[in-house]
PDB file of all heavy atoms in Angstrom:
ATOM      1  N   ARG A   1     -59.997  15.018  26.970  1.00  0.00           N
ATOM      2  CA  ARG A   1     -60.159  14.333  28.160  1.00  0.00           C
ATOM      3  C   ARG A   1     -61.639  14.629  28.653  1.00  0.00           C
ATOM      4  O   ARG A   1     -62.118  15.720  28.617  1.00  0.00           O
ATOM      5  CB  ARG A   1     -59.232  14.848  29.311  1.00  0.00           C
ATOM      6  CG  ARG A   1     -59.396  14.191  30.595  1.00  0.00           C
ATOM      7  CD  ARG A   1     -59.136  12.651  30.739  1.00  0.00           C
ATOM      8  NE  ARG A   1     -57.958  12.308  29.881  1.00  0.00           N
ATOM      9  CZ  ARG A   1     -56.770  12.418  30.260  1.00  0.00           C
ATOM     10  NH1 ARG A   1     -56.353  12.879  31.385  1.00  0.00           N
ATOM     11  NH2 ARG A   1     -55.688  11.966  29.474  1.00  0.00           N
ATOM     12  N   LEU A   2     -62.358  13.481  29.048  1.00  0.00           N
ATOM     13  CA  LEU A   2     -63.738  13.587  29.432  1.00  0.00           C
ATOM     14  C   LEU A   2     -63.885  13.477  30.909  1.00  0.00           C
ATOM     15  O   LEU A   2     -64.592  14.315  31.622  1.00  0.00           O
ATOM     16  CB  LEU A   2     -64.624  12.574  28.752  1.00  0.00           C
ATOM     17  CG  LEU A   2     -64.770  12.663  27.274  1.00  0.00           C
ATOM     18  CD1 LEU A   2     -65.707  11.584  26.705  1.00  0.00           C
ATOM     19  CD2 LEU A   2     -65.323  14.053  26.812  1.00  0.00           C
ATOM     20  N   TYR A   3     -63.306  12.513  31.517  1.00  0.00           N
ATOM     21  CA  TYR A   3     -63.292  12.348  32.931  1.00  0.00           C
ATOM     22  C   TYR A   3     -62.188  11.354  33.396  1.00  0.00           C
ATOM     23  O   TYR A   3     -61.552  10.639  32.585  1.00  0.00           O
ATOM     24  CB  TYR A   3     -64.699  11.872  33.529  1.00  0.00           C
ATOM     25  CG  TYR A   3     -65.201  10.615  32.827  1.00  0.00           C
ATOM     26  CD1 TYR A   3     -64.838   9.358  33.373  1.00  0.00           C
ATOM     27  CD2 TYR A   3     -65.932  10.571  31.729  1.00  0.00           C
ATOM     28  CE1 TYR A   3     -65.335   8.164  32.875  1.00  0.00           C
ATOM     29  CE2 TYR A   3     -66.507   9.485  31.195  1.00  0.00           C
ATOM     30  CZ  TYR A   3     -66.094   8.140  31.888  1.00  0.00           C
ATOM     31  OH  TYR A   3     -66.482   7.061  31.272  1.00  0.00           O
ATOM     32  N   ASP A   4     -61.971  11.312  34.709  1.00  0.00           N
ATOM     33  CA  ASP A   4     -60.951  10.526  35.249  1.00  0.00           C
ATOM     34  C   ASP A   4     -61.659   9.561  36.239  1.00  0.00           C
ATOM     35  O   ASP A   4     -62.774   9.862  36.774  1.00  0.00           O
ATOM     36  CB  ASP A   4     -59.976  11.207  36.007  1.00  0.00           C
ATOM     37  CG  ASP A   4     -59.026  12.056  35.114  1.00  0.00           C
ATOM     38  OD1 ASP A   4     -58.754  11.667  33.963  1.00  0.00           O
ATOM     39  OD2 ASP A   4     -58.638  13.174  35.486  1.00  0.00           O
ATOM     40  N   GLY A   5     -61.119   8.377  36.395  1.00  0.00           N
ATOM     41  CA  GLY A   5     -61.733   7.441  37.348  1.00  0.00           C
ATOM     42  C   GLY A   5     -60.621   6.457  37.912  1.00  0.00           C
ATOM     43  O   GLY A   5     -59.501   6.707  37.741  1.00  0.00           O
ATOM     44  N   GLU A   6     -61.111   5.455  38.552  1.00  0.00           N
ATOM     45  CA  GLU A   6     -60.163   4.487  39.095  1.00  0.00           C
ATOM     46  C   GLU A   6     -60.816   3.031  38.989  1.00  0.00           C
ATOM     47  O   GLU A   6     -62.074   3.021  38.977  1.00  0.00           O
ATOM     48  CB  GLU A   6     -59.836   4.775  40.496  1.00  0.00           C
ATOM     49  CG  GLU A   6     -60.985   4.753  41.515  1.00  0.00           C
ATOM     50  CD  GLU A   6     -60.635   4.831  42.996  1.00  0.00           C
ATOM     51  OE1 GLU A   6     -59.458   4.368  43.286  1.00  0.00           O
ATOM     52  OE2 GLU A   6     -61.347   5.465  43.737  1.00  0.00           O
ATOM     53  N   TYR A   7     -60.026   2.050  39.038  1.00  0.00           N
ATOM     54  CA  TYR A   7     -60.470   0.649  39.021  1.00  0.00           C
ATOM     55  C   TYR A   7     -60.390   0.178  40.414  1.00  0.00           C
ATOM     56  O   TYR A   7     -59.559   0.442  41.240  1.00  0.00           O
ATOM     57  CB  TYR A   7     -59.581  -0.174  38.071  1.00  0.00           C
ATOM     58  CG  TYR A   7     -60.000  -0.081  36.696  1.00  0.00           C
ATOM     59  CD1 TYR A   7     -59.460   0.759  35.792  1.00  0.00           C
ATOM     60  CD2 TYR A   7     -61.063  -1.085  36.158  1.00  0.00           C
ATOM     61  CE1 TYR A   7     -59.835   0.865  34.395  1.00  0.00           C
ATOM     62  CE2 TYR A   7     -61.419  -0.998  34.751  1.00  0.00           C
ATOM     63  CZ  TYR A   7     -60.831  -0.081  34.033  1.00  0.00           C
ATOM     64  OH  TYR A   7     -61.310  -0.027  32.668  1.00  0.00           O
ATOM     65  N   VAL A   8     -61.388  -0.625  40.749  1.00  0.00           N
ATOM     66  CA  VAL A   8     -61.433  -1.296  42.139  1.00  0.00           C
ATOM     67  C   VAL A   8     -61.795  -2.676  41.928  1.00  0.00           C
ATOM     68  O   VAL A   8     -62.331  -3.171  40.906  1.00  0.00           O
ATOM     69  CB  VAL A   8     -62.592  -0.603  42.930  1.00  0.00           C
ATOM     70  CG1 VAL A   8     -62.191   0.884  43.280  1.00  0.00           C
ATOM     71  CG2 VAL A   8     -63.939  -0.664  42.268  1.00  0.00           C
ATOM     72  N   CYS A   9     -61.485  -3.493  43.003  1.00  0.00           N
ATOM     73  CA  CYS A   9     -61.790  -4.918  43.074  1.00  0.00           C
ATOM     74  C   CYS A   9     -63.285  -4.995  43.469  1.00  0.00           C
ATOM     75  O   CYS A   9     -63.673  -4.399  44.437  1.00  0.00           O
ATOM     76  CB  CYS A   9     -60.922  -5.664  44.083  1.00  0.00           C
ATOM     77  SG  CYS A   9     -61.239  -7.443  44.118  1.00  0.00           S
ATOM     78  N   VAL A  10     -64.094  -5.806  42.751  1.00  0.00           N
ATOM     79  CA  VAL A  10     -65.508  -5.998  43.027  1.00  0.00           C
ATOM     80  C   VAL A  10     -65.763  -7.438  43.339  1.00  0.00           C
ATOM     81  O   VAL A  10     -65.345  -8.386  42.672  1.00  0.00           O
ATOM     82  CB  VAL A  10     -66.333  -5.443  41.875  1.00  0.00           C
ATOM     83  CG1 VAL A  10     -67.775  -5.467  42.185  1.00  0.00           C
ATOM     84  CG2 VAL A  10     -65.896  -3.975  41.477  1.00  0.00           C
ATOM     85  N   MET A  11     -66.590  -7.633  44.379  1.00  0.00           N
ATOM     86  CA  MET A  11     -67.096  -8.999  44.677  1.00  0.00           C
ATOM     87  C   MET A  11     -68.485  -8.988  45.290  1.00  0.00           C
ATOM     88  O   MET A  11     -69.025  -7.824  45.518  1.00  0.00           O
ATOM     89  CB  MET A  11     -66.071  -9.599  45.777  1.00  0.00           C
ATOM     90  CG  MET A  11     -66.042  -8.834  47.064  1.00  0.00           C
ATOM     91  SD  MET A  11     -64.779  -9.309  48.134  1.00  0.00           S
ATOM     92  CE  MET A  11     -63.320  -8.389  47.390  1.00  0.00           C
ATOM     93  N   ARG A  12     -69.120 -10.049  45.502  1.00  0.00           N
ATOM     94  CA  ARG A  12     -70.462 -10.068  45.989  1.00  0.00           C
ATOM     95  C   ARG A  12     -70.428  -9.833  47.494  1.00  0.00           C
ATOM     96  O   ARG A  12     -69.448 -10.120  48.156  1.00  0.00           O
ATOM     97  CB  ARG A  12     -71.190 -11.460  45.713  1.00  0.00           C
ATOM     98  CG  ARG A  12     -70.585 -12.675  46.416  1.00  0.00           C
ATOM     99  CD  ARG A  12     -71.412 -13.833  46.260  1.00  0.00           C
ATOM    100  NE  ARG A  12     -70.792 -14.997  46.931  1.00  0.00           N
ATOM    101  CZ  ARG A  12     -70.980 -15.343  48.187  1.00  0.00           C
ATOM    102  NH1 ARG A  12     -71.630 -14.489  48.990  1.00  0.00           N
ATOM    103  NH2 ARG A  12     -70.333 -16.346  48.719  1.00  0.00           N
ATOM    104  N   LYS A  13     -71.611  -9.371  48.026  1.00  0.00           N
ATOM    105  CA  LYS A  13     -71.683  -9.247  49.504  1.00  0.00           C
ATOM    106  C   LYS A  13     -71.731 -10.712  50.000  1.00  0.00           C
ATOM    107  O   LYS A  13     -72.296 -11.632  49.462  1.00  0.00           O
ATOM    108  CB  LYS A  13     -72.966  -8.488  49.900  1.00  0.00           C
ATOM    109  CG  LYS A  13     -72.923  -7.042  49.783  1.00  0.00           C
ATOM    110  CD  LYS A  13     -74.058  -6.252  50.317  1.00  0.00           C
ATOM    111  CE  LYS A  13     -73.944  -4.852  50.313  1.00  0.00           C
ATOM    112  NZ  LYS A  13     -75.011  -4.136  50.976  1.00  0.00           N
ATOM    113  N   GLY A  14     -71.050 -10.842  51.075  1.00  0.00           N
ATOM    114  CA  GLY A  14     -70.992 -12.265  51.751  1.00  0.00           C
ATOM    115  C   GLY A  14     -69.801 -13.036  51.126  1.00  0.00           C
ATOM    116  O   GLY A  14     -69.574 -14.209  51.670  1.00  0.00           O
ATOM    117  N   HIS A  15     -69.066 -12.449  50.267  1.00  0.00           N
ATOM    118  CA  HIS A  15     -67.859 -13.147  49.629  1.00  0.00           C
ATOM    119  C   HIS A  15     -66.829 -13.261  50.805  1.00  0.00           C
ATOM    120  O   HIS A  15     -66.699 -12.469  51.711  1.00  0.00           O
ATOM    121  CB  HIS A  15     -67.188 -12.374  48.603  1.00  0.00           C
ATOM    122  CG  HIS A  15     -66.132 -13.045  47.820  1.00  0.00           C
ATOM    123  ND1 HIS A  15     -64.842 -13.370  48.360  1.00  0.00           N
ATOM    124  CD2 HIS A  15     -66.205 -13.615  46.563  1.00  0.00           C
ATOM    125  CE1 HIS A  15     -64.169 -14.005  47.493  1.00  0.00           C
ATOM    126  NE2 HIS A  15     -64.910 -14.119  46.379  1.00  0.00           N
ATOM    127  N   PRO A  16     -66.072 -14.446  50.860  1.00  0.00           N
ATOM    128  CA  PRO A  16     -65.178 -14.661  51.951  1.00  0.00           C
ATOM    129  C   PRO A  16     -64.120 -13.541  52.034  1.00  0.00           C
ATOM    130  O   PRO A  16     -63.458 -13.267  53.220  1.00  0.00           O
ATOM    131  CB  PRO A  16     -64.459 -16.018  51.611  1.00  0.00           C
ATOM    132  CG  PRO A  16     -65.517 -16.650  50.742  1.00  0.00           C
ATOM    133  CD  PRO A  16     -66.234 -15.624  50.000  1.00  0.00           C
ATOM    134  N   LEU A  17     -63.809 -12.783  51.082  1.00  0.00           N
ATOM    135  CA  LEU A  17     -62.858 -11.697  51.005  1.00  0.00           C
ATOM    136  C   LEU A  17     -63.484 -10.379  51.258  1.00  0.00           C
ATOM    137  O   LEU A  17     -62.842  -9.371  51.312  1.00  0.00           O
ATOM    138  CB  LEU A  17     -62.097 -11.699  49.788  1.00  0.00           C
ATOM    139  CG  LEU A  17     -61.231 -12.914  49.505  1.00  0.00           C
ATOM    140  CD1 LEU A  17     -60.440 -12.681  48.166  1.00  0.00           C
ATOM    141  CD2 LEU A  17     -60.254 -13.158  50.617  1.00  0.00           C
ATOM    142  N   ALA A  18     -64.891 -10.374  51.494  1.00  0.00           N
ATOM    143  CA  ALA A  18     -65.565  -9.078  51.615  1.00  0.00           C
ATOM    144  C   ALA A  18     -65.286  -8.439  53.035  1.00  0.00           C
ATOM    145  O   ALA A  18     -65.512  -7.194  53.099  1.00  0.00           O
ATOM    146  CB  ALA A  18     -66.999  -9.259  51.546  1.00  0.00           C
ATOM    147  N   SER A  19     -64.726  -9.141  53.900  1.00  0.00           N
ATOM    148  CA  SER A  19     -64.444  -8.600  55.270  1.00  0.00           C
ATOM    149  C   SER A  19     -62.943  -8.649  55.483  1.00  0.00           C
ATOM    150  O   SER A  19     -62.357  -9.619  55.012  1.00  0.00           O
ATOM    151  CB  SER A  19     -65.185  -9.321  56.319  1.00  0.00           C
ATOM    152  OG  SER A  19     -64.839 -10.641  56.401  1.00  0.00           O
ATOM    153  N   GLY A  20     -62.401  -7.711  56.172  1.00  0.00           N
ATOM    154  CA  GLY A  20     -60.938  -7.789  56.428  1.00  0.00           C
ATOM    155  C   GLY A  20     -60.247  -7.133  55.199  1.00  0.00           C
ATOM    156  O   GLY A  20     -60.802  -6.915  54.159  1.00  0.00           O
ATOM    157  N   PRO A  21     -58.969  -6.902  55.350  1.00  0.00           N
ATOM    158  CA  PRO A  21     -58.127  -6.250  54.378  1.00  0.00           C
ATOM    159  C   PRO A  21     -57.990  -7.174  53.141  1.00  0.00           C
ATOM    160  O   PRO A  21     -57.830  -8.361  53.339  1.00  0.00           O
ATOM    161  CB  PRO A  21     -56.866  -5.914  55.057  1.00  0.00           C
ATOM    162  CG  PRO A  21     -56.742  -6.868  56.112  1.00  0.00           C
ATOM    163  CD  PRO A  21     -58.151  -7.051  56.609  1.00  0.00           C
ATOM    164  N   LEU A  22     -58.000  -6.636  51.912  1.00  0.00           N
ATOM    165  CA  LEU A  22     -57.619  -7.411  50.791  1.00  0.00           C
ATOM    166  C   LEU A  22     -56.176  -7.272  50.427  1.00  0.00           C
ATOM    167  O   LEU A  22     -55.758  -6.268  49.835  1.00  0.00           O
ATOM    168  CB  LEU A  22     -58.612  -6.825  49.552  1.00  0.00           C
ATOM    169  CG  LEU A  22     -58.333  -7.548  48.233  1.00  0.00           C
ATOM    170  CD1 LEU A  22     -58.748  -9.103  48.360  1.00  0.00           C
ATOM    171  CD2 LEU A  22     -59.114  -6.958  47.114  1.00  0.00           C
ATOM    172  N   THR A  23     -55.469  -8.274  50.850  1.00  0.00           N
ATOM    173  CA  THR A  23     -54.033  -8.184  50.673  1.00  0.00           C
ATOM    174  C   THR A  23     -53.699  -8.646  49.187  1.00  0.00           C
ATOM    175  O   THR A  23     -54.470  -9.247  48.520  1.00  0.00           O
ATOM    176  CB  THR A  23     -53.309  -9.060  51.673  1.00  0.00           C
ATOM    177  OG1 THR A  23     -53.646 -10.462  51.372  1.00  0.00           O
ATOM    178  CG2 THR A  23     -53.617  -8.677  53.047  1.00  0.00           C
ATOM    179  N   LEU A  24     -52.468  -8.464  48.697  1.00  0.00           N
ATOM    180  CA  LEU A  24     -51.955  -8.912  47.440  1.00  0.00           C
ATOM    181  C   LEU A  24     -52.054 -10.434  47.477  1.00  0.00           C
ATOM    182  O   LEU A  24     -52.386 -10.965  46.376  1.00  0.00           O
ATOM    183  CB  LEU A  24     -50.550  -8.368  47.261  1.00  0.00           C
ATOM    184  CG  LEU A  24     -49.968  -8.793  45.928  1.00  0.00           C
ATOM    185  CD1 LEU A  24     -50.815  -8.215  44.706  1.00  0.00           C
ATOM    186  CD2 LEU A  24     -48.513  -8.198  45.762  1.00  0.00           C
ATOM    187  N   ASP A  25     -51.604 -11.151  48.546  1.00  0.00           N
ATOM    188  CA  ASP A  25     -51.606 -12.639  48.543  1.00  0.00           C
ATOM    189  C   ASP A  25     -53.108 -13.045  48.340  1.00  0.00           C
ATOM    190  O   ASP A  25     -53.220 -14.042  47.529  1.00  0.00           O
ATOM    191  CB  ASP A  25     -50.989 -13.135  49.804  1.00  0.00           C
ATOM    192  CG  ASP A  25     -49.538 -12.959  49.842  1.00  0.00           C
ATOM    193  OD1 ASP A  25     -48.903 -12.786  48.686  1.00  0.00           O
ATOM    194  OD2 ASP A  25     -48.930 -13.003  50.904  1.00  0.00           O
ATOM    195  N   ARG A  26     -54.052 -12.481  49.050  1.00  0.00           N
ATOM    196  CA  ARG A  26     -55.369 -12.906  49.020  1.00  0.00           C
ATOM    197  C   ARG A  26     -55.988 -12.569  47.613  1.00  0.00           C
ATOM    198  O   ARG A  26     -56.742 -13.473  47.057  1.00  0.00           O
ATOM    199  CB  ARG A  26     -56.198 -12.227  50.070  1.00  0.00           C
ATOM    200  CG  ARG A  26     -55.796 -12.592  51.482  1.00  0.00           C
ATOM    201  CD  ARG A  26     -56.664 -11.875  52.544  1.00  0.00           C
ATOM    202  NE  ARG A  26     -57.957 -12.598  52.813  1.00  0.00           N
ATOM    203  CZ  ARG A  26     -58.854 -12.038  53.547  1.00  0.00           C
ATOM    204  NH1 ARG A  26     -58.678 -10.984  54.180  1.00  0.00           N
ATOM    205  NH2 ARG A  26     -59.979 -12.803  53.699  1.00  0.00           N
ATOM    206  N   PHE A  27     -55.591 -11.512  47.049  1.00  0.00           N
ATOM    207  CA  PHE A  27     -56.065 -11.145  45.723  1.00  0.00           C
ATOM    208  C   PHE A  27     -55.577 -12.229  44.689  1.00  0.00           C
ATOM    209  O   PHE A  27     -56.352 -12.649  43.852  1.00  0.00           O
ATOM    210  CB  PHE A  27     -55.608  -9.757  45.342  1.00  0.00           C
ATOM    211  CG  PHE A  27     -56.056  -9.356  44.059  1.00  0.00           C
ATOM    212  CD1 PHE A  27     -57.234  -8.571  43.844  1.00  0.00           C
ATOM    213  CD2 PHE A  27     -55.253  -9.418  42.857  1.00  0.00           C
ATOM    214  CE1 PHE A  27     -57.683  -8.057  42.607  1.00  0.00           C
ATOM    215  CE2 PHE A  27     -55.591  -9.012  41.673  1.00  0.00           C
ATOM    216  CZ  PHE A  27     -56.821  -8.281  41.503  1.00  0.00           C
ATOM    217  N   CYS A  28     -54.378 -12.535  44.677  1.00  0.00           N
ATOM    218  CA  CYS A  28     -53.741 -13.400  43.704  1.00  0.00           C
ATOM    219  C   CYS A  28     -54.171 -14.817  43.944  1.00  0.00           C
ATOM    220  O   CYS A  28     -54.276 -15.618  42.878  1.00  0.00           O
ATOM    221  CB  CYS A  28     -52.219 -13.394  43.734  1.00  0.00           C
ATOM    222  SG  CYS A  28     -51.489 -11.784  43.227  1.00  0.00           S
ATOM    223  N   ALA A  29     -54.559 -15.190  45.121  1.00  0.00           N
ATOM    224  CA  ALA A  29     -55.093 -16.519  45.361  1.00  0.00           C
ATOM    225  C   ALA A  29     -56.395 -16.797  44.927  1.00  0.00           C
ATOM    226  O   ALA A  29     -56.927 -17.933  44.809  1.00  0.00           O
ATOM    227  CB  ALA A  29     -54.782 -16.879  46.794  1.00  0.00           C
ATOM    228  N   ALA A  30     -57.173 -15.769  44.725  1.00  0.00           N
ATOM    229  CA  ALA A  30     -58.548 -15.867  44.472  1.00  0.00           C
ATOM    230  C   ALA A  30     -58.812 -16.220  42.905  1.00  0.00           C
ATOM    231  O   ALA A  30     -57.862 -16.096  42.129  1.00  0.00           O
ATOM    232  CB  ALA A  30     -59.333 -14.493  44.814  1.00  0.00           C
ATOM    233  N   ARG A  31     -60.063 -16.626  42.580  1.00  0.00           N
ATOM    234  CA  ARG A  31     -60.425 -16.877  41.258  1.00  0.00           C
ATOM    235  C   ARG A  31     -61.075 -15.629  40.641  1.00  0.00           C
ATOM    236  O   ARG A  31     -61.849 -14.985  41.291  1.00  0.00           O
ATOM    237  CB  ARG A  31     -61.408 -18.043  41.188  1.00  0.00           C
ATOM    238  CG  ARG A  31     -60.798 -19.421  41.518  1.00  0.00           C
ATOM    239  CD  ARG A  31     -61.888 -20.361  41.946  1.00  0.00           C
ATOM    240  NE  ARG A  31     -62.854 -20.688  40.919  1.00  0.00           N
ATOM    241  CZ  ARG A  31     -62.698 -21.477  39.852  1.00  0.00           C
ATOM    242  NH1 ARG A  31     -61.667 -22.180  39.826  1.00  0.00           N
ATOM    243  NH2 ARG A  31     -63.718 -21.586  39.023  1.00  0.00           N
ATOM    244  N   HIS A  32     -60.665 -15.288  39.379  1.00  0.00           N
ATOM    245  CA  HIS A  32     -60.978 -14.018  38.781  1.00  0.00           C
ATOM    246  C   HIS A  32     -61.744 -14.142  37.460  1.00  0.00           C
ATOM    247  O   HIS A  32     -61.608 -15.081  36.743  1.00  0.00           O
ATOM    248  CB  HIS A  32     -59.642 -13.231  38.542  1.00  0.00           C
ATOM    249  CG  HIS A  32     -59.025 -12.723  39.853  1.00  0.00           C
ATOM    250  ND1 HIS A  32     -59.086 -11.416  40.302  1.00  0.00           N
ATOM    251  CD2 HIS A  32     -58.227 -13.397  40.738  1.00  0.00           C
ATOM    252  CE1 HIS A  32     -58.391 -11.229  41.377  1.00  0.00           C
ATOM    253  NE2 HIS A  32     -57.884 -12.494  41.568  1.00  0.00           N
TER     254      HIS A  32
END
């Protein structure tokens, strides 16, 4: 083992989902 980490959702600043909570519904409805 070298190190541990985690995956996160990444988007541009100013993205419509950049403010407010990122819910499962909003995540699935977005383009990826």
